[in-house]
Amino acid sequence: MPGVGVRTGARILTEVGDGSTFPTAGHLAAYAGLAPATRSSCSSIRGEQPSRRGNKQLKRAFFLSAFAALSDPASRAYYDKKIAKGKHHTQALLCLARRRTDVLFAMLRDGTFYEPQTAAAS
């Protein structure tokens, strides 16, 4: 995957393993601390915020790989789309990191290598 080097890849594989522990990509994202958490107290709901739970080292590895992947056109387009929707830089990077967990989960589930998306011809 773009943005995943030797050290980051080793950290991710060390923490995730073969991925058989996680039934869905959402479970992997929650384990990494990249799934949003609703903060609520009785009748007050404060909305979705980044989770403070999860594996800190894995979250950092995904965050750094997302930052490094901004030079990739597909990742940059997703990041720019989130910025256009009004997200701040860190929020957009967290969205990109979460999306990368989905891609990693699919790669581990299917036993495939990363293949960049190609633009569909109309």
C-alpha atoms as a PDB file:
ATOM      1  CA  MET A   1       0.000   0.000   0.000  1.00  0.00           C
ATOM      2  CA  PRO A   2       1.252   3.497  -0.655  1.00  0.00           C
ATOM      3  CA  GLY A   3       2.600   5.076   2.508  1.00  0.00           C
ATOM      4  CA  VAL A   4       3.411   1.776   4.196  1.00  0.00           C
ATOM      5  CA  GLY A   5       7.141   1.239   4.427  1.00  0.00           C
ATOM      6  CA  VAL A   6       9.110  -1.596   5.957  1.00  0.00           C
ATOM      7  CA  ARG A   7       8.897  -0.385   9.558  1.00  0.00           C
ATOM      8  CA  THR A   8       5.246   0.667   9.400  1.00  0.00           C
ATOM      9  CA  GLY A   9       4.286  -2.551   7.629  1.00  0.00           C
ATOM     10  CA  ALA A  10       6.114  -4.596  10.230  1.00  0.00           C
ATOM     11  CA  ARG A  11       4.318  -2.737  13.034  1.00  0.00           C
ATOM     12  CA  ILE A  12       0.919  -3.248  11.412  1.00  0.00           C
ATOM     13  CA  LEU A  13       1.509  -6.947  10.759  1.00  0.00           C
ATOM     14  CA  THR A  14       2.853  -7.447  14.277  1.00  0.00           C
ATOM     15  CA  GLU A  15      -0.259  -5.922  15.823  1.00  0.00           C
ATOM     16  CA  VAL A  16      -2.864  -7.340  13.400  1.00  0.00           C
ATOM     17  CA  GLY A  17      -1.377 -10.721  12.562  1.00  0.00           C
ATOM     18  CA  ASP A  18      -3.200 -12.590   9.802  1.00  0.00           C
ATOM     19  CA  GLY A  19      -6.460 -10.732  10.481  1.00  0.00           C
ATOM     20  CA  SER A  20      -8.446 -13.850  11.374  1.00  0.00           C
ATOM     21  CA  THR A  21      -9.214 -12.385  14.810  1.00  0.00           C
ATOM     22  CA  PHE A  22     -11.420  -9.682  13.304  1.00  0.00           C
ATOM     23  CA  PRO A  23     -14.776 -10.698  11.772  1.00  0.00           C
ATOM     24  CA  THR A  24     -15.262  -7.329  10.002  1.00  0.00           C
ATOM     25  CA  ALA A  25     -13.262  -4.272   9.003  1.00  0.00           C
ATOM     26  CA  GLY A  26     -15.146  -2.317  11.664  1.00  0.00           C
ATOM     27  CA  HIS A  27     -13.773  -4.604  14.348  1.00  0.00           C
ATOM     28  CA  LEU A  28     -10.239  -3.979  13.079  1.00  0.00           C
ATOM     29  CA  ALA A  29     -10.851  -0.209  13.056  1.00  0.00           C
ATOM     30  CA  ALA A  30     -12.224  -0.344  16.608  1.00  0.00           C
ATOM     31  CA  TYR A  31      -9.207  -2.366  17.749  1.00  0.00           C
ATOM     32  CA  ALA A  32      -6.931   0.252  16.198  1.00  0.00           C
ATOM     33  CA  GLY A  33      -8.902   3.075  17.821  1.00  0.00           C
ATOM     34  CA  LEU A  34      -9.988   4.522  14.461  1.00  0.00           C
ATOM     35  CA  ALA A  35     -13.731   3.939  14.825  1.00  0.00           C
ATOM     36  CA  PRO A  36     -15.649   7.011  16.020  1.00  0.00           C
ATOM     37  CA  ALA A  37     -17.075   6.989  19.527  1.00  0.00           C
ATOM     38  CA  THR A  38     -20.272   8.716  20.607  1.00  0.00           C
ATOM     39  CA  ARG A  39     -19.821  10.720  23.782  1.00  0.00           C
ATOM     40  CA  SER A  40     -23.063  10.823  25.748  1.00  0.00           C
ATOM     41  CA  SER A  41     -24.144  11.552  29.273  1.00  0.00           C
ATOM     42  CA  CYS A  42     -27.759  10.775  30.151  1.00  0.00           C
ATOM     43  CA  SER A  43     -29.753  12.941  27.715  1.00  0.00           C
ATOM     44  CA  SER A  44     -26.777  14.922  26.360  1.00  0.00           C
ATOM     45  CA  ILE A  45     -25.183  13.550  23.185  1.00  0.00           C
ATOM     46  CA  ARG A  46     -22.015  15.321  22.133  1.00  0.00           C
ATOM     47  CA  GLY A  47     -21.556  13.605  18.785  1.00  0.00           C
ATOM     48  CA  GLU A  48     -18.892  11.487  17.183  1.00  0.00           C
ATOM     49  CA  GLN A  49     -15.299  11.964  18.306  1.00  0.00           C
ATOM     50  CA  PRO A  50     -12.093  10.022  17.769  1.00  0.00           C
ATOM     51  CA  SER A  51     -11.862   7.120  20.160  1.00  0.00           C
ATOM     52  CA  ARG A  52      -9.305   7.207  22.962  1.00  0.00           C
ATOM     53  CA  ARG A  53      -9.415   3.444  23.194  1.00  0.00           C
ATOM     54  CA  GLY A  54      -7.676   0.916  21.033  1.00  0.00           C
ATOM     55  CA  ASN A  55      -4.142  -0.062  20.262  1.00  0.00           C
ATOM     56  CA  LYS A  56      -2.127   3.172  20.325  1.00  0.00           C
ATOM     57  CA  GLN A  57       0.811   1.789  18.344  1.00  0.00           C
ATOM     58  CA  LEU A  58      -1.453   0.452  15.602  1.00  0.00           C
ATOM     59  CA  LYS A  59      -3.386   3.723  15.449  1.00  0.00           C
ATOM     60  CA  ARG A  60      -0.118   5.645  15.125  1.00  0.00           C
ATOM     61  CA  ALA A  61       1.087   3.312  12.364  1.00  0.00           C
ATOM     62  CA  PHE A  62      -2.126   3.810  10.358  1.00  0.00           C
ATOM     63  CA  PHE A  63      -2.046   7.568  10.980  1.00  0.00           C
ATOM     64  CA  LEU A  64       1.571   7.858   9.796  1.00  0.00           C
ATOM     65  CA  SER A  65       0.898   5.690   6.751  1.00  0.00           C
ATOM     66  CA  ALA A  66      -2.109   7.852   5.869  1.00  0.00           C
ATOM     67  CA  PHE A  67       0.054  10.974   6.125  1.00  0.00           C
ATOM     68  CA  ALA A  68       2.748   9.399   3.953  1.00  0.00           C
ATOM     69  CA  ALA A  69       0.125   8.272   1.416  1.00  0.00           C
ATOM     70  CA  LEU A  70      -0.928  11.834   0.618  1.00  0.00           C
ATOM     71  CA  SER A  71       1.460  11.726  -2.345  1.00  0.00           C
ATOM     72  CA  ASP A  72      -0.649   8.889  -3.832  1.00  0.00           C
ATOM     73  CA  PRO A  73      -3.311  10.348  -6.187  1.00  0.00           C
ATOM     74  CA  ALA A  74      -6.188   8.167  -4.915  1.00  0.00           C
ATOM     75  CA  SER A  75      -5.413   8.876  -1.261  1.00  0.00           C
ATOM     76  CA  ARG A  76      -4.952  12.578  -1.988  1.00  0.00           C
ATOM     77  CA  ALA A  77      -8.316  12.717  -3.772  1.00  0.00           C
ATOM     78  CA  TYR A  78     -10.054  11.131  -0.759  1.00  0.00           C
ATOM     79  CA  TYR A  79      -8.262  13.530   1.608  1.00  0.00           C
ATOM     80  CA  ASP A  80      -9.205  16.552  -0.534  1.00  0.00           C
ATOM     81  CA  LYS A  81     -12.837  15.362  -0.622  1.00  0.00           C
ATOM     82  CA  LYS A  82     -12.916  15.272   3.177  1.00  0.00           C
ATOM     83  CA  ILE A  83     -11.311  18.734   3.379  1.00  0.00           C
ATOM     84  CA  ALA A  84     -13.941  20.050   0.944  1.00  0.00           C
ATOM     85  CA  LYS A  85     -16.648  18.676   3.265  1.00  0.00           C
ATOM     86  CA  GLY A  86     -15.283  20.912   6.030  1.00  0.00           C
ATOM     87  CA  LYS A  87     -13.063  18.533   7.972  1.00  0.00           C
ATOM     88  CA  HIS A  88      -9.797  19.731   9.474  1.00  0.00           C
ATOM     89  CA  HIS A  89      -6.443  18.244   8.476  1.00  0.00           C
ATOM     90  CA  THR A  90      -6.264  15.791  11.392  1.00  0.00           C
ATOM     91  CA  GLN A  91      -9.877  14.708  10.947  1.00  0.00           C
ATOM     92  CA  ALA A  92      -9.324  14.086   7.230  1.00  0.00           C
ATOM     93  CA  LEU A  93      -6.193  12.059   7.997  1.00  0.00           C
ATOM     94  CA  LEU A  94      -8.127   9.951  10.506  1.00  0.00           C
ATOM     95  CA  CYS A  95     -10.803   9.314   7.858  1.00  0.00           C
ATOM     96  CA  LEU A  96      -8.079   8.245   5.425  1.00  0.00           C
ATOM     97  CA  ALA A  97      -6.490   6.002   8.060  1.00  0.00           C
ATOM     98  CA  ARG A  98      -9.877   4.382   8.729  1.00  0.00           C
ATOM     99  CA  ARG A  99     -10.331   3.769   5.015  1.00  0.00           C
ATOM    100  CA  ARG A 100      -6.911   2.159   4.891  1.00  0.00           C
ATOM    101  CA  THR A 101      -7.983  -0.274   7.635  1.00  0.00           C
ATOM    102  CA  ASP A 102     -10.837  -1.332   5.348  1.00  0.00           C
ATOM    103  CA  VAL A 103      -8.369  -1.941   2.517  1.00  0.00           C
ATOM    104  CA  LEU A 104      -5.979  -3.853   4.776  1.00  0.00           C
ATOM    105  CA  PHE A 105      -8.809  -6.005   6.110  1.00  0.00           C
ATOM    106  CA  ALA A 106      -9.921  -6.861   2.564  1.00  0.00           C
ATOM    107  CA  MET A 107      -6.344  -7.719   1.583  1.00  0.00           C
ATOM    108  CA  LEU A 108      -5.930 -10.032   4.585  1.00  0.00           C
ATOM    109  CA  ARG A 109      -9.367 -11.610   4.123  1.00  0.00           C
ATOM    110  CA  ASP A 110      -8.899 -12.303   0.406  1.00  0.00           C
ATOM    111  CA  GLY A 111      -5.161 -13.023   0.533  1.00  0.00           C
ATOM    112  CA  THR A 112      -4.410 -10.462  -2.178  1.00  0.00           C
ATOM    113  CA  PHE A 113      -1.874  -7.713  -2.688  1.00  0.00           C
ATOM    114  CA  TYR A 114      -2.726  -4.030  -2.939  1.00  0.00           C
ATOM    115  CA  GLU A 115      -4.003  -2.968  -6.339  1.00  0.00           C
ATOM    116  CA  PRO A 116      -4.689   0.722  -6.911  1.00  0.00           C
ATOM    117  CA  GLN A 117      -8.136   1.597  -8.211  1.00  0.00           C
ATOM    118  CA  THR A 118      -8.277   2.544 -11.844  1.00  0.00           C
ATOM    119  CA  ALA A 119     -10.666   5.139 -13.185  1.00  0.00           C
ATOM    120  CA  ALA A 120     -13.682   3.527 -14.802  1.00  0.00           C
ATOM    121  CA  ALA A 121     -14.085   4.372 -18.464  1.00  0.00           C
ATOM    122  CA  SER A 122     -17.476   5.911 -19.288  1.00  0.00           C
END
